[in-house]
C-alpha atoms as a PDB file:
ATOM      1  CA  MET A   1       3.453 124.732 111.332  1.00  0.00           C
ATOM      2  CA  ILE A   2       6.607 123.860 112.812  1.00  0.00           C
ATOM      3  CA  THR A   3       7.096 120.329 114.082  1.00  0.00           C
ATOM      4  CA  ALA A   4       9.975 119.401 116.960  1.00  0.00           C
ATOM      5  CA  ILE A   5      10.813 116.483 118.013  1.00  0.00           C
ATOM      6  CA  VAL A   6      12.761 116.805 121.047  1.00  0.00           C
ATOM      7  CA  LEU A   7      14.261 114.211 123.081  1.00  0.00           C
ATOM      8  CA  ILE A   8      14.782 115.292 126.357  1.00  0.00           C
ATOM      9  CA  LYS A   9      17.087 114.015 129.242  1.00  0.00           C
ATOM     10  CA  THR A  10      15.794 114.700 133.201  1.00  0.00           C
ATOM     11  CA  SER A  11      16.148 113.501 136.397  1.00  0.00           C
ATOM     12  CA  VAL A  12      15.439 110.031 137.129  1.00  0.00           C
ATOM     13  CA  ASP A  13      13.573 110.524 140.101  1.00  0.00           C
ATOM     14  CA  ARG A  14      11.481 112.987 138.293  1.00  0.00           C
ATOM     15  CA  ILE A  15      10.053 112.035 135.477  1.00  0.00           C
ATOM     16  CA  PRO A  16       6.472 112.722 136.335  1.00  0.00           C
ATOM     17  CA  GLU A  17       6.664 115.719 137.007  1.00  0.00           C
ATOM     18  CA  ILE A  18       9.007 117.476 134.622  1.00  0.00           C
ATOM     19  CA  ALA A  19       6.604 115.156 131.934  1.00  0.00           C
ATOM     20  CA  GLU A  20       3.531 117.407 133.090  1.00  0.00           C
ATOM     21  CA  SER A  21       5.700 120.545 133.353  1.00  0.00           C
ATOM     22  CA  ILE A  22       6.129 119.817 129.786  1.00  0.00           C
ATOM     23  CA  ALA A  23       2.723 119.029 128.592  1.00  0.00           C
ATOM     24  CA  ALA A  24       1.224 122.274 130.011  1.00  0.00           C
ATOM     25  CA  LEU A  25       3.524 124.531 128.023  1.00  0.00           C
ATOM     26  CA  ASP A  26       1.818 126.534 125.114  1.00  0.00           C
ATOM     27  CA  SER A  27       3.425 125.169 121.703  1.00  0.00           C
ATOM     28  CA  VAL A  28       3.864 121.335 123.230  1.00  0.00           C
ATOM     29  CA  SER A  29       0.918 119.144 121.778  1.00  0.00           C
ATOM     30  CA  GLU A  30       2.269 115.712 123.608  1.00  0.00           C
ATOM     31  CA  VAL A  31       5.100 114.597 125.579  1.00  0.00           C
ATOM     32  CA  TYR A  32       6.118 110.705 125.710  1.00  0.00           C
ATOM     33  CA  SER A  33       7.853 108.741 128.971  1.00  0.00           C
ATOM     34  CA  VAL A  34      10.062 106.443 127.287  1.00  0.00           C
ATOM     35  CA  THR A  35      13.227 103.822 127.369  1.00  0.00           C
ATOM     36  CA  GLY A  36      16.373 104.250 125.909  1.00  0.00           C
ATOM     37  CA  THR A  37      18.978 107.325 125.913  1.00  0.00           C
ATOM     38  CA  TYR A  38      16.703 109.468 126.565  1.00  0.00           C
ATOM     39  CA  ASP A  39      13.963 109.809 129.147  1.00  0.00           C
ATOM     40  CA  LEU A  40      10.398 112.077 127.853  1.00  0.00           C
ATOM     41  CA  ILE A  41       9.913 113.038 123.619  1.00  0.00           C
ATOM     42  CA  ALA A  42       7.701 115.966 123.355  1.00  0.00           C
ATOM     43  CA  LEU A  43       5.864 117.312 120.072  1.00  0.00           C
ATOM     44  CA  VAL A  44       6.898 120.793 119.682  1.00  0.00           C
ATOM     45  CA  ARG A  45       4.032 122.514 117.239  1.00  0.00           C
ATOM     46  CA  VAL A  46       4.994 126.199 115.811  1.00  0.00           C
ATOM     47  CA  ALA A  47       4.345 128.701 113.619  1.00  0.00           C
ATOM     48  CA  ARG A  48       8.196 130.389 113.357  1.00  0.00           C
ATOM     49  CA  HIS A  49      11.484 128.538 113.826  1.00  0.00           C
ATOM     50  CA  GLU A  50      11.559 131.686 116.079  1.00  0.00           C
ATOM     51  CA  ASN A  51       9.388 130.018 117.884  1.00  0.00           C
ATOM     52  CA  LEU A  52      11.487 127.328 118.622  1.00  0.00           C
ATOM     53  CA  ALA A  53      14.141 129.867 120.562  1.00  0.00           C
ATOM     54  CA  ASP A  54      11.759 130.532 123.087  1.00  0.00           C
ATOM     55  CA  ILE A  55       9.806 127.080 123.230  1.00  0.00           C
ATOM     56  CA  ILE A  56      12.639 124.791 123.548  1.00  0.00           C
ATOM     57  CA  PRO A  57      15.834 126.649 125.889  1.00  0.00           C
ATOM     58  CA  GLY A  58      13.811 129.726 126.728  1.00  0.00           C
ATOM     59  CA  ARG A  59      11.609 126.890 128.893  1.00  0.00           C
ATOM     60  CA  ILE A  60      11.802 123.385 128.565  1.00  0.00           C
ATOM     61  CA  SER A  61      15.293 123.523 129.375  1.00  0.00           C
ATOM     62  CA  LYS A  62      14.949 125.941 132.152  1.00  0.00           C
ATOM     63  CA  ILE A  63      12.207 122.964 134.044  1.00  0.00           C
ATOM     64  CA  PRO A  64      13.869 121.869 137.174  1.00  0.00           C
ATOM     65  CA  GLY A  65      15.884 118.580 136.466  1.00  0.00           C
ATOM     66  CA  VAL A  66      16.162 119.303 132.261  1.00  0.00           C
ATOM     67  CA  GLU A  67      19.270 117.864 132.111  1.00  0.00           C
ATOM     68  CA  GLY A  68      19.888 118.142 128.771  1.00  0.00           C
ATOM     69  CA  THR A  69      17.785 118.227 125.168  1.00  0.00           C
ATOM     70  CA  ASP A  70      18.092 116.972 121.723  1.00  0.00           C
ATOM     71  CA  THR A  71      16.207 118.747 118.889  1.00  0.00           C
ATOM     72  CA  HIS A  72      15.049 117.550 115.324  1.00  0.00           C
ATOM     73  CA  VAL A  73      13.446 119.750 113.380  1.00  0.00           C
ATOM     74  CA  ALA A  74      10.111 117.728 110.911  1.00  0.00           C
ATOM     75  CA  PHE A  75      10.764 118.604 107.169  1.00  0.00           C
ATOM     76  CA  ARG A  76       7.044 116.899 106.739  1.00  0.00           C
ATOM     77  CA  THR A  77       4.822 114.598 107.860  1.00  0.00           C
ATOM     78  CA  TYR A  78       3.710 111.870 104.659  1.00  0.00           C
ATOM     79  CA  SER A  79       0.796 110.947 106.893  1.00  0.00           C
ATOM     80  CA  GLN A  80      -1.095 111.065 110.206  1.00  0.00           C
ATOM     81  CA  HIS A  81      -2.636 108.194 110.300  1.00  0.00           C
ATOM     82  CA  ASP A  82       0.638 106.017 110.170  1.00  0.00           C
ATOM     83  CA  LEU A  83       1.644 108.929 113.019  1.00  0.00           C
ATOM     84  CA  GLU A  84      -1.580 107.768 115.474  1.00  0.00           C
ATOM     85  CA  ALA A  85      -0.812 104.475 114.943  1.00  0.00           C
ATOM     86  CA  ALA A  86       3.044 104.532 115.350  1.00  0.00           C
ATOM     87  CA  PHE A  87       2.913 106.009 118.440  1.00  0.00           C
ATOM     88  CA  ALA A  88      -0.360 103.946 119.630  1.00  0.00           C
ATOM     89  CA  ILE A  89       1.625 100.580 119.828  1.00  0.00           C
ATOM     90  CA  GLY A  90       1.182  98.832 122.374  1.00  0.00           C
ATOM     91  CA  LEU A  91      -1.846 100.096 123.473  1.00  0.00           C
ATOM     92  CA  ASP A  92      -5.609  98.842 123.890  1.00  0.00           C
ATOM     93  CA  ALA A  93      -7.723 100.039 121.885  1.00  0.00           C
END
């Protein structure tokens, strides 16, 4: 399984609708709204590198309101528990 972390710039007034459209795509496991340079972060999981081209420039980038993406392909997952804890910061348990 190949995981890509996709940083996404969007039209600020459409963040919720864009996030929902991205989250509905096959291969997108999670979408987060974030602070900073980018508006959204999506986690994309595919079986083959070639599938990244189908989902990122082929589908995510074509959603109205998406202004740009910056994709990072993960080499290795060290601990699922650590990942869950990192993304749960600030959430009530």
